[in-house]
Amino acid sequence: MKVEIKERALKGGNKGLYLEYYEKGFRRRENLHLYLIPDDAPNAKSINKKTYLKAMAVRSDRILNPPDFEKKSEPKDGIDRTTTWLEWCDEYIQYSIDCRNSKTMMQHKTKVCKRIHDYLDRIGKPDMLMKDVTTEVISDLYDYMRNDYRNPIQIKTRDGKLGDFTLLLFGETVNAMFNKALRDGRIGYNPVHGLNKQERFHWPDKHREFLTPEELVRFLAVETATENEHQVQIAFGFSCMTGLRLGDMQRLRWCNIRPMGDGWAVSIVQHKTGSPVTVPLNDLALSLLPPRPEDDAENVFRLVKKPEGVARYVRRIAQKAGITGKDLTFHCSRHTAATLAISAGAELYSVSKILGHSSITSTQVYAKVNLEKKIEAVNLTKGVFG
């Protein structure tokens, strides 16, 4: 099999490098996510030389250890050979409507289909059949979304480039679209499954803001100026003890605060996931609850409706508490709950159940945060012993 390094011109004068595999009757492309800068850029010659050497190293490895394309090169026989990709997009949207997807989810899926349409127009293949969508095509679509696509609505933010989390959701929806086609027998394989790790979209390595125990005490000690501010303050503290999301806090009713053993617990069905979660309440959480009314159907906390309004109150209280250098939103209370629990010695499985995570993988990020704090504490001893 012949393996060659190829270049692809990108906007702004950069060039993307990719490998092209070729033998009689077969051609496959692998994006390397390595980029050459324009020749007139500072230190261009040196930088591009290093980049090209990296590409050559990958090429050498692929020659010695060629990828196995046999199972991914051609679909099975007996599949739908007439439906175009865009027609399937329309069918998938209708299927999602029939499944009663939420308004937000439908808006997202419609945007994904629109971006697929833009990509097919760009490459001049608006009538591409589903059977002709290969892993190489999906890889090229993802590369287009990473580097060339611009969201005209957010052109002033990141020059219109999509954020890591938006790209991840895009990839998950494309994968779901082809999984549905595979289940229905419309295609013989899901081309998304052939992507390698570098070609896929990944969770952004995002710093998660949280309050330390000392900062939380200061936050809760602030003398609030308005009732709205007070409600946000006590709700934030309650969430720091329970890990409840803002949406659940806004819907929390007194009937969700129930006796459990010798104490009390909050028991709800999460609005985001639809799964139930029960969290015991400690003394601090109980102290933050307003007086219980006679009507258990009343809301526990009277929070303003818009998340950005809640966030403004959180930042205002944090400023009064002298908490600086942290971009706080209400969701930081959830990060605080996880970090405090793990720092206190709670095992990941228990914390994942408190947060309502479907997988412990989602909880492991907080163990990483705790490890970083441990490293920071250990490093404080440097130089003490000479």
Protein backbone atom coordinates (compact mmCIF):
# COMPACT_ATOMS: atom_id res chain seq x y z
CA MET A 1 0.00 0.00 0.00
CA LYS A 2 1.29 3.44 -0.96
CA VAL A 3 1.30 6.10 1.79
CA GLU A 4 1.89 9.76 0.92
CA ILE A 5 1.84 13.06 2.82
CA LYS A 6 -0.61 15.49 1.22
CA GLU A 7 -1.43 19.16 1.85
CA ARG A 8 -4.79 20.87 1.95
CA ALA A 9 -5.18 24.67 1.73
CA LEU A 10 -7.10 26.24 4.63
CA LYS A 11 -8.49 29.69 5.26
CA GLY A 12 -5.94 32.22 6.50
CA GLY A 13 -3.10 30.78 4.43
CA ASN A 14 -2.41 27.71 6.58
CA LYS A 15 -2.16 24.21 5.12
CA GLY A 16 -3.39 21.03 6.73
CA LEU A 17 -1.37 17.82 6.39
CA TYR A 18 -2.95 14.41 5.86
CA LEU A 19 -1.90 10.94 4.79
CA GLU A 20 -3.32 9.31 1.68
CA TYR A 21 -3.33 5.53 1.49
CA TYR A 22 -3.62 4.08 -1.99
CA GLU A 23 -3.62 0.77 -3.76
CA LYS A 24 -5.54 -0.50 -6.77
CA GLY A 25 -9.26 -0.05 -6.15
CA PHE A 26 -8.85 1.58 -2.76
CA ARG A 27 -8.09 5.05 -1.46
CA ARG A 28 -8.29 6.31 2.14
CA ARG A 29 -7.31 9.57 3.82
CA GLU A 30 -6.23 10.19 7.43
CA ASN A 31 -6.18 13.71 8.84
CA LEU A 32 -3.03 14.33 10.90
CA HIS A 33 -4.20 17.60 12.51
CA LEU A 34 -0.80 19.07 11.73
CA TYR A 35 -0.66 22.47 10.07
CA LEU A 36 1.90 24.46 8.05
CA ILE A 37 1.89 28.22 8.56
CA PRO A 38 2.33 30.75 5.71
CA ASP A 39 5.92 31.17 4.45
CA ASP A 40 5.96 34.86 5.34
CA ALA A 41 5.06 34.23 9.01
CA PRO A 42 7.78 34.69 11.67
CA ASN A 43 10.01 31.60 12.00
CA ALA A 44 7.88 29.85 9.37
CA LYS A 45 10.73 27.83 7.91
CA SER A 46 11.79 26.39 11.27
CA ILE A 47 8.23 25.75 12.50
CA ASN A 48 7.10 24.10 9.25
CA LYS A 49 10.20 21.89 9.17
CA LYS A 50 9.38 20.53 12.65
CA THR A 51 5.75 20.00 11.66
CA TYR A 52 6.71 18.14 8.50
CA LEU A 53 9.11 15.93 10.45
CA LYS A 54 6.21 14.95 12.73
CA ALA A 55 4.14 14.06 9.67
CA MET A 56 7.00 11.97 8.27
CA ALA A 57 7.30 10.12 11.58
CA VAL A 58 3.60 9.23 11.46
CA ARG A 59 3.93 8.15 7.81
CA SER A 60 6.88 5.88 8.68
CA ASP A 61 4.88 4.30 11.49
CA ARG A 62 1.90 3.70 9.17
CA ILE A 63 4.14 2.05 6.58
CA LEU A 64 5.55 -0.30 9.22
CA ASN A 65 2.16 -0.84 10.91
CA PRO A 66 -0.51 -0.30 8.23
CA PRO A 67 -4.05 0.28 9.53
CA ASP A 68 -6.62 -2.43 8.93
CA PHE A 69 -9.18 -0.96 6.54
CA GLU A 70 -10.76 -4.20 5.46
CA LYS A 71 -13.86 -4.05 7.66
CA LYS A 72 -14.47 -0.36 7.05
CA SER A 73 -13.83 0.06 3.35
CA GLU A 74 -17.10 -1.20 1.91
CA PRO A 75 -20.68 -1.55 3.23
CA LYS A 76 -22.61 -4.81 3.13
CA ASP A 77 -24.79 -5.86 0.22
CA GLY A 78 -28.56 -5.48 0.25
CA ILE A 79 -28.66 -1.94 1.64
CA ASP A 80 -30.54 1.18 0.58
CA ARG A 81 -28.77 2.45 -2.53
CA THR A 82 -31.07 5.37 -3.38
CA THR A 83 -31.45 7.55 -0.26
CA THR A 84 -29.20 10.60 -0.14
CA TRP A 85 -27.51 11.78 3.03
CA LEU A 86 -29.64 14.94 3.13
CA GLU A 87 -32.83 12.91 2.65
CA TRP A 88 -31.79 10.77 5.59
CA CYS A 89 -31.20 13.96 7.60
CA ASP A 90 -34.84 14.88 6.96
CA GLU A 91 -35.99 11.40 7.99
CA TYR A 92 -33.88 11.56 11.14
CA ILE A 93 -35.39 14.92 12.08
CA GLN A 94 -38.90 13.52 11.63
CA TYR A 95 -37.96 10.45 13.69
CA SER A 96 -36.71 12.75 16.48
CA ILE A 97 -39.99 14.71 16.35
CA ASP A 98 -41.96 11.46 16.60
CA CYS A 99 -39.84 10.53 19.64
CA ARG A 100 -40.90 13.85 21.21
CA ASN A 101 -37.40 15.25 21.54
CA SER A 102 -37.31 18.53 23.45
CA LYS A 103 -37.42 21.89 21.65
CA THR A 104 -33.75 22.50 22.51
CA MET A 105 -32.70 19.09 21.18
CA MET A 106 -34.65 19.61 17.96
CA GLN A 107 -32.97 22.99 17.44
CA HIS A 108 -29.58 21.32 17.90
CA LYS A 109 -30.31 18.45 15.49
CA THR A 110 -31.65 20.87 12.89
CA LYS A 111 -28.40 22.86 13.12
CA VAL A 112 -26.37 19.67 12.69
CA CYS A 113 -28.28 18.81 9.51
CA LYS A 114 -27.86 22.37 8.22
CA ARG A 115 -24.09 22.14 8.76
CA ILE A 116 -23.96 18.80 6.93
CA HIS A 117 -25.81 20.53 4.07
CA ASP A 118 -23.22 23.35 4.09
CA TYR A 119 -20.39 20.81 3.96
CA LEU A 120 -21.89 18.87 1.04
CA ASP A 121 -22.44 22.11 -0.86
CA ARG A 122 -18.83 23.05 -0.16
CA ILE A 123 -17.46 19.83 -1.67
CA GLY A 124 -19.97 19.94 -4.53
CA LYS A 125 -21.81 16.72 -3.60
CA PRO A 126 -25.27 17.72 -2.29
CA ASP A 127 -26.74 14.47 -3.69
CA MET A 128 -24.25 12.13 -1.95
CA LEU A 129 -25.93 8.80 -1.21
CA MET A 130 -25.92 7.31 2.27
CA LYS A 131 -24.11 4.24 0.93
CA ASP A 132 -21.27 6.48 -0.27
CA VAL A 133 -20.63 8.13 3.12
CA THR A 134 -17.32 6.58 4.17
CA THR A 135 -15.14 7.10 7.21
CA GLU A 136 -12.97 9.34 5.03
CA VAL A 137 -15.98 11.56 4.30
CA ILE A 138 -16.85 11.81 8.01
CA SER A 139 -13.22 12.64 8.82
CA ASP A 140 -13.27 15.40 6.22
CA LEU A 141 -16.58 16.70 7.61
CA TYR A 142 -15.09 16.86 11.12
CA ASP A 143 -11.99 18.62 9.80
CA TYR A 144 -14.24 21.15 8.05
CA MET A 145 -16.17 21.77 11.28
CA ARG A 146 -12.95 22.23 13.27
CA ASN A 147 -11.08 24.52 10.92
CA ASP A 148 -13.25 26.08 8.23
CA TYR A 149 -16.83 26.35 9.44
CA ARG A 150 -17.87 29.70 10.91
CA ASN A 151 -21.07 30.36 12.83
CA PRO A 152 -22.32 33.70 11.45
CA ILE A 153 -24.34 34.36 14.62
CA GLN A 154 -21.19 34.23 16.78
CA ILE A 155 -18.67 35.74 14.38
CA LYS A 156 -17.48 38.14 17.10
CA THR A 157 -16.75 35.24 19.45
CA ARG A 158 -13.72 33.08 18.56
CA ASP A 159 -14.07 34.43 15.00
CA GLY A 160 -17.18 32.26 14.69
CA LYS A 161 -15.33 28.96 15.29
CA LEU A 162 -17.32 26.37 17.21
CA GLY A 163 -16.27 25.53 20.77
CA ASP A 164 -15.03 22.10 21.83
CA PHE A 165 -18.27 21.17 23.56
CA THR A 166 -20.39 22.20 20.55
CA LEU A 167 -18.15 20.08 18.30
CA LEU A 168 -18.52 17.14 20.67
CA LEU A 169 -22.33 17.39 20.54
CA PHE A 170 -22.13 17.66 16.75
CA GLY A 171 -20.11 14.43 16.59
CA GLU A 172 -22.45 12.59 18.95
CA THR A 173 -25.46 13.57 16.84
CA VAL A 174 -23.81 12.48 13.58
CA ASN A 175 -22.94 9.16 15.22
CA ALA A 176 -26.53 8.73 16.46
CA MET A 177 -27.82 9.53 12.97
CA PHE A 178 -25.77 6.73 11.41
CA ASN A 179 -26.53 4.31 14.26
CA LYS A 180 -30.22 4.81 13.50
CA ALA A 181 -29.61 4.15 9.80
CA LEU A 182 -27.64 1.00 10.71
CA ARG A 183 -30.43 -0.28 12.98
CA ASP A 184 -32.96 0.29 10.18
CA GLY A 185 -30.84 -1.63 7.68
CA ARG A 186 -30.27 1.43 5.51
CA ILE A 187 -26.46 1.08 5.65
CA GLY A 188 -24.14 -1.83 6.29
CA TYR A 189 -21.80 -0.12 8.74
CA ASN A 190 -21.47 3.14 10.68
CA PRO A 191 -18.63 5.16 9.10
CA VAL A 192 -18.16 7.16 12.32
CA HIS A 193 -16.86 4.01 14.02
CA GLY A 194 -13.85 3.98 11.70
CA LEU A 195 -12.48 7.29 12.98
CA ASN A 196 -9.27 7.13 14.97
CA LYS A 197 -8.77 8.96 18.26
CA GLN A 198 -7.20 12.03 16.66
CA GLU A 199 -10.06 12.43 14.18
CA ARG A 200 -12.82 12.32 16.80
CA PHE A 201 -14.10 15.24 18.85
CA HIS A 202 -13.26 15.16 22.56
CA TRP A 203 -14.50 16.61 25.81
CA PRO A 204 -12.89 19.99 26.41
CA ASP A 205 -10.29 19.96 29.19
CA LYS A 206 -12.11 22.74 30.98
CA HIS A 207 -11.20 24.14 34.35
CA ARG A 208 -14.09 23.75 36.76
CA GLU A 209 -14.47 26.56 39.26
CA PHE A 210 -15.39 25.63 42.82
CA LEU A 211 -15.31 27.20 46.27
CA THR A 212 -13.04 26.05 49.06
CA PRO A 213 -14.66 25.42 52.47
CA GLU A 214 -13.34 28.78 53.72
CA GLU A 215 -14.71 30.59 50.66
CA LEU A 216 -18.09 28.92 51.05
CA VAL A 217 -18.31 30.07 54.67
CA ARG A 218 -17.58 33.64 53.57
CA PHE A 219 -20.11 33.37 50.73
CA LEU A 220 -22.87 32.27 53.12
CA ALA A 221 -21.94 34.96 55.67
CA VAL A 222 -22.54 37.85 53.26
CA GLU A 223 -25.35 40.18 54.31
CA THR A 224 -27.61 40.25 51.24
CA ALA A 225 -29.31 43.43 50.03
CA THR A 226 -32.47 41.99 48.44
CA GLU A 227 -34.71 38.95 48.83
CA ASN A 228 -33.70 37.69 45.35
CA GLU A 229 -30.05 37.88 46.37
CA HIS A 230 -30.79 36.04 49.63
CA GLN A 231 -32.66 33.27 47.82
CA VAL A 232 -29.74 32.75 45.45
CA GLN A 233 -27.32 32.71 48.39
CA ILE A 234 -29.09 30.00 50.37
CA ALA A 235 -29.95 27.99 47.25
CA PHE A 236 -26.29 28.08 46.17
CA GLY A 237 -25.21 26.83 49.61
CA PHE A 238 -27.85 24.09 49.53
CA SER A 239 -26.63 22.98 46.12
CA CYS A 240 -23.04 22.92 47.43
CA MET A 241 -24.23 20.32 49.95
CA THR A 242 -26.41 18.28 47.55
CA GLY A 243 -24.99 18.79 44.05
CA LEU A 244 -28.40 19.66 42.58
CA ARG A 245 -28.43 21.50 39.25
CA LEU A 246 -30.00 24.93 38.90
CA GLY A 247 -32.92 23.54 36.89
CA ASP A 248 -33.72 21.09 39.70
CA MET A 249 -33.35 23.80 42.34
CA GLN A 250 -35.85 26.00 40.49
CA ARG A 251 -38.34 23.10 40.46
CA LEU A 252 -37.61 21.80 43.98
CA ARG A 253 -40.76 21.55 46.10
CA TRP A 254 -41.21 20.84 49.77
CA CYS A 255 -42.69 17.44 48.96
CA ASN A 256 -39.18 16.53 47.70
CA ILE A 257 -37.74 17.08 51.23
CA ARG A 258 -38.57 13.84 53.02
CA PRO A 259 -37.64 11.98 56.23
CA MET A 260 -34.98 9.30 55.77
CA GLY A 261 -33.96 7.18 58.75
CA ASP A 262 -33.05 9.51 61.59
CA GLY A 263 -32.63 12.49 59.27
CA TRP A 264 -33.87 14.10 56.09
CA ALA A 265 -33.10 13.77 52.40
CA VAL A 266 -33.93 15.49 49.13
CA SER A 267 -35.43 13.09 46.60
CA ILE A 268 -36.16 14.22 43.02
CA VAL A 269 -36.32 13.08 39.42
CA GLN A 270 -33.61 15.07 37.64
CA HIS A 271 -34.97 17.39 34.99
CA LYS A 272 -31.92 16.96 32.72
CA THR A 273 -31.59 13.16 32.78
CA GLY A 274 -35.03 11.98 33.90
CA SER A 275 -33.39 9.68 36.47
CA PRO A 276 -34.17 9.78 40.22
CA VAL A 277 -31.62 10.84 42.82
CA THR A 278 -31.78 10.90 46.62
CA VAL A 279 -29.27 12.86 48.69
CA PRO A 280 -29.17 12.89 52.53
CA LEU A 281 -29.13 16.38 54.03
CA ASN A 282 -26.44 17.39 56.50
CA ASP A 283 -26.84 20.05 59.19
CA LEU A 284 -25.63 22.89 56.96
CA ALA A 285 -28.08 21.96 54.19
CA LEU A 286 -30.95 21.82 56.69
CA SER A 287 -29.99 25.19 58.17
CA LEU A 288 -30.27 26.80 54.72
CA LEU A 289 -33.87 25.70 54.18
CA PRO A 290 -36.55 28.40 54.61
CA PRO A 291 -39.41 27.77 57.08
CA ARG A 292 -41.58 24.92 55.81
CA PRO A 293 -45.07 26.02 54.70
CA GLU A 294 -48.27 24.04 55.12
CA ASP A 295 -48.54 23.43 51.39
CA ASP A 296 -45.89 20.87 50.34
CA ALA A 297 -46.46 21.77 46.68
CA GLU A 298 -44.78 25.17 47.13
CA ASN A 299 -41.28 25.79 45.82
CA VAL A 300 -38.51 25.57 48.40
CA PHE A 301 -36.47 28.42 46.88
CA ARG A 302 -37.90 31.42 45.03
CA LEU A 303 -35.21 31.90 42.38
CA VAL A 304 -35.31 34.23 39.40
CA LYS A 305 -36.08 32.35 36.19
CA LYS A 306 -33.17 33.18 33.89
CA PRO A 307 -29.82 31.43 34.57
CA GLU A 308 -27.88 34.59 33.66
CA GLY A 309 -29.88 36.49 36.30
CA VAL A 310 -29.01 33.87 38.92
CA ALA A 311 -25.34 34.03 37.85
CA ARG A 312 -25.28 37.80 38.34
CA TYR A 313 -26.42 37.39 41.94
CA VAL A 314 -23.82 34.65 42.53
CA ARG A 315 -21.03 36.91 41.27
CA ARG A 316 -22.34 39.86 43.28
CA ILE A 317 -22.34 37.84 46.52
CA ALA A 318 -18.88 36.41 45.75
CA GLN A 319 -17.56 39.93 45.23
CA LYS A 320 -18.96 41.02 48.60
CA ALA A 321 -17.31 37.96 50.17
CA GLY A 322 -13.93 38.96 48.73
CA ILE A 323 -13.76 35.90 46.46
CA THR A 324 -11.73 37.02 43.44
CA GLY A 325 -10.10 35.38 40.44
CA LYS A 326 -12.97 32.93 39.89
CA ASP A 327 -15.65 33.17 37.21
CA LEU A 328 -18.54 31.83 39.26
CA THR A 329 -21.96 30.71 38.07
CA PHE A 330 -24.60 28.74 39.96
CA HIS A 331 -23.27 25.53 38.39
CA CYS A 332 -20.04 26.03 40.37
CA SER A 333 -22.03 24.91 43.42
CA ARG A 334 -22.27 21.46 41.81
CA HIS A 335 -18.52 21.40 41.22
CA THR A 336 -18.05 22.49 44.83
CA ALA A 337 -20.25 19.65 46.12
CA ALA A 338 -18.22 17.06 44.19
CA THR A 339 -14.83 18.50 45.12
CA LEU A 340 -15.67 18.85 48.82
CA ALA A 341 -16.99 15.28 48.97
CA ILE A 342 -13.93 13.77 47.30
CA SER A 343 -11.58 15.92 49.40
CA ALA A 344 -13.34 14.59 52.51
CA GLY A 345 -12.56 11.03 51.39
CA ALA A 346 -15.78 9.99 49.66
CA GLU A 347 -15.34 7.30 47.00
CA LEU A 348 -16.03 8.16 43.36
CA TYR A 349 -18.97 5.77 43.05
CA SER A 350 -20.86 7.42 45.91
CA VAL A 351 -20.17 10.91 44.55
CA SER A 352 -21.34 9.87 41.08
CA LYS A 353 -24.66 8.71 42.58
CA ILE A 354 -25.09 11.99 44.49
CA LEU A 355 -24.48 13.98 41.29
CA GLY A 356 -26.71 11.69 39.25
CA HIS A 357 -23.98 10.80 36.75
CA SER A 358 -24.87 7.86 34.52
CA SER A 359 -21.19 6.92 34.34
CA ILE A 360 -18.38 7.21 36.87
CA THR A 361 -16.22 8.57 34.05
CA SER A 362 -18.01 11.92 34.38
CA THR A 363 -17.09 12.03 38.08
CA GLN A 364 -13.40 11.24 37.62
CA VAL A 365 -12.61 14.82 36.60
CA TYR A 366 -13.18 15.89 40.21
CA ALA A 367 -10.66 13.33 41.42
CA LYS A 368 -8.18 15.04 39.09
CA VAL A 369 -9.01 18.42 40.66
CA ASN A 370 -8.45 16.96 44.13
CA LEU A 371 -5.12 15.48 43.04
CA GLU A 372 -4.02 18.89 41.77
CA LYS A 373 -4.82 20.39 45.18
CA LYS A 374 -2.79 17.64 46.86
CA ILE A 375 0.18 18.34 44.58
CA GLU A 376 -0.16 22.04 45.36
CA ALA A 377 -0.13 21.28 49.09
CA VAL A 378 2.90 19.00 48.82
CA ASN A 379 4.81 21.58 46.78
CA LEU A 380 4.42 24.05 49.63
CA THR A 381 7.13 22.12 51.49
CA LYS A 382 9.74 22.73 48.78
CA GLY A 383 12.72 24.50 50.21
CA VAL A 384 11.63 24.00 53.83
CA PHE A 385 14.24 21.31 54.53
CA GLY A 386 17.12 22.96 52.65
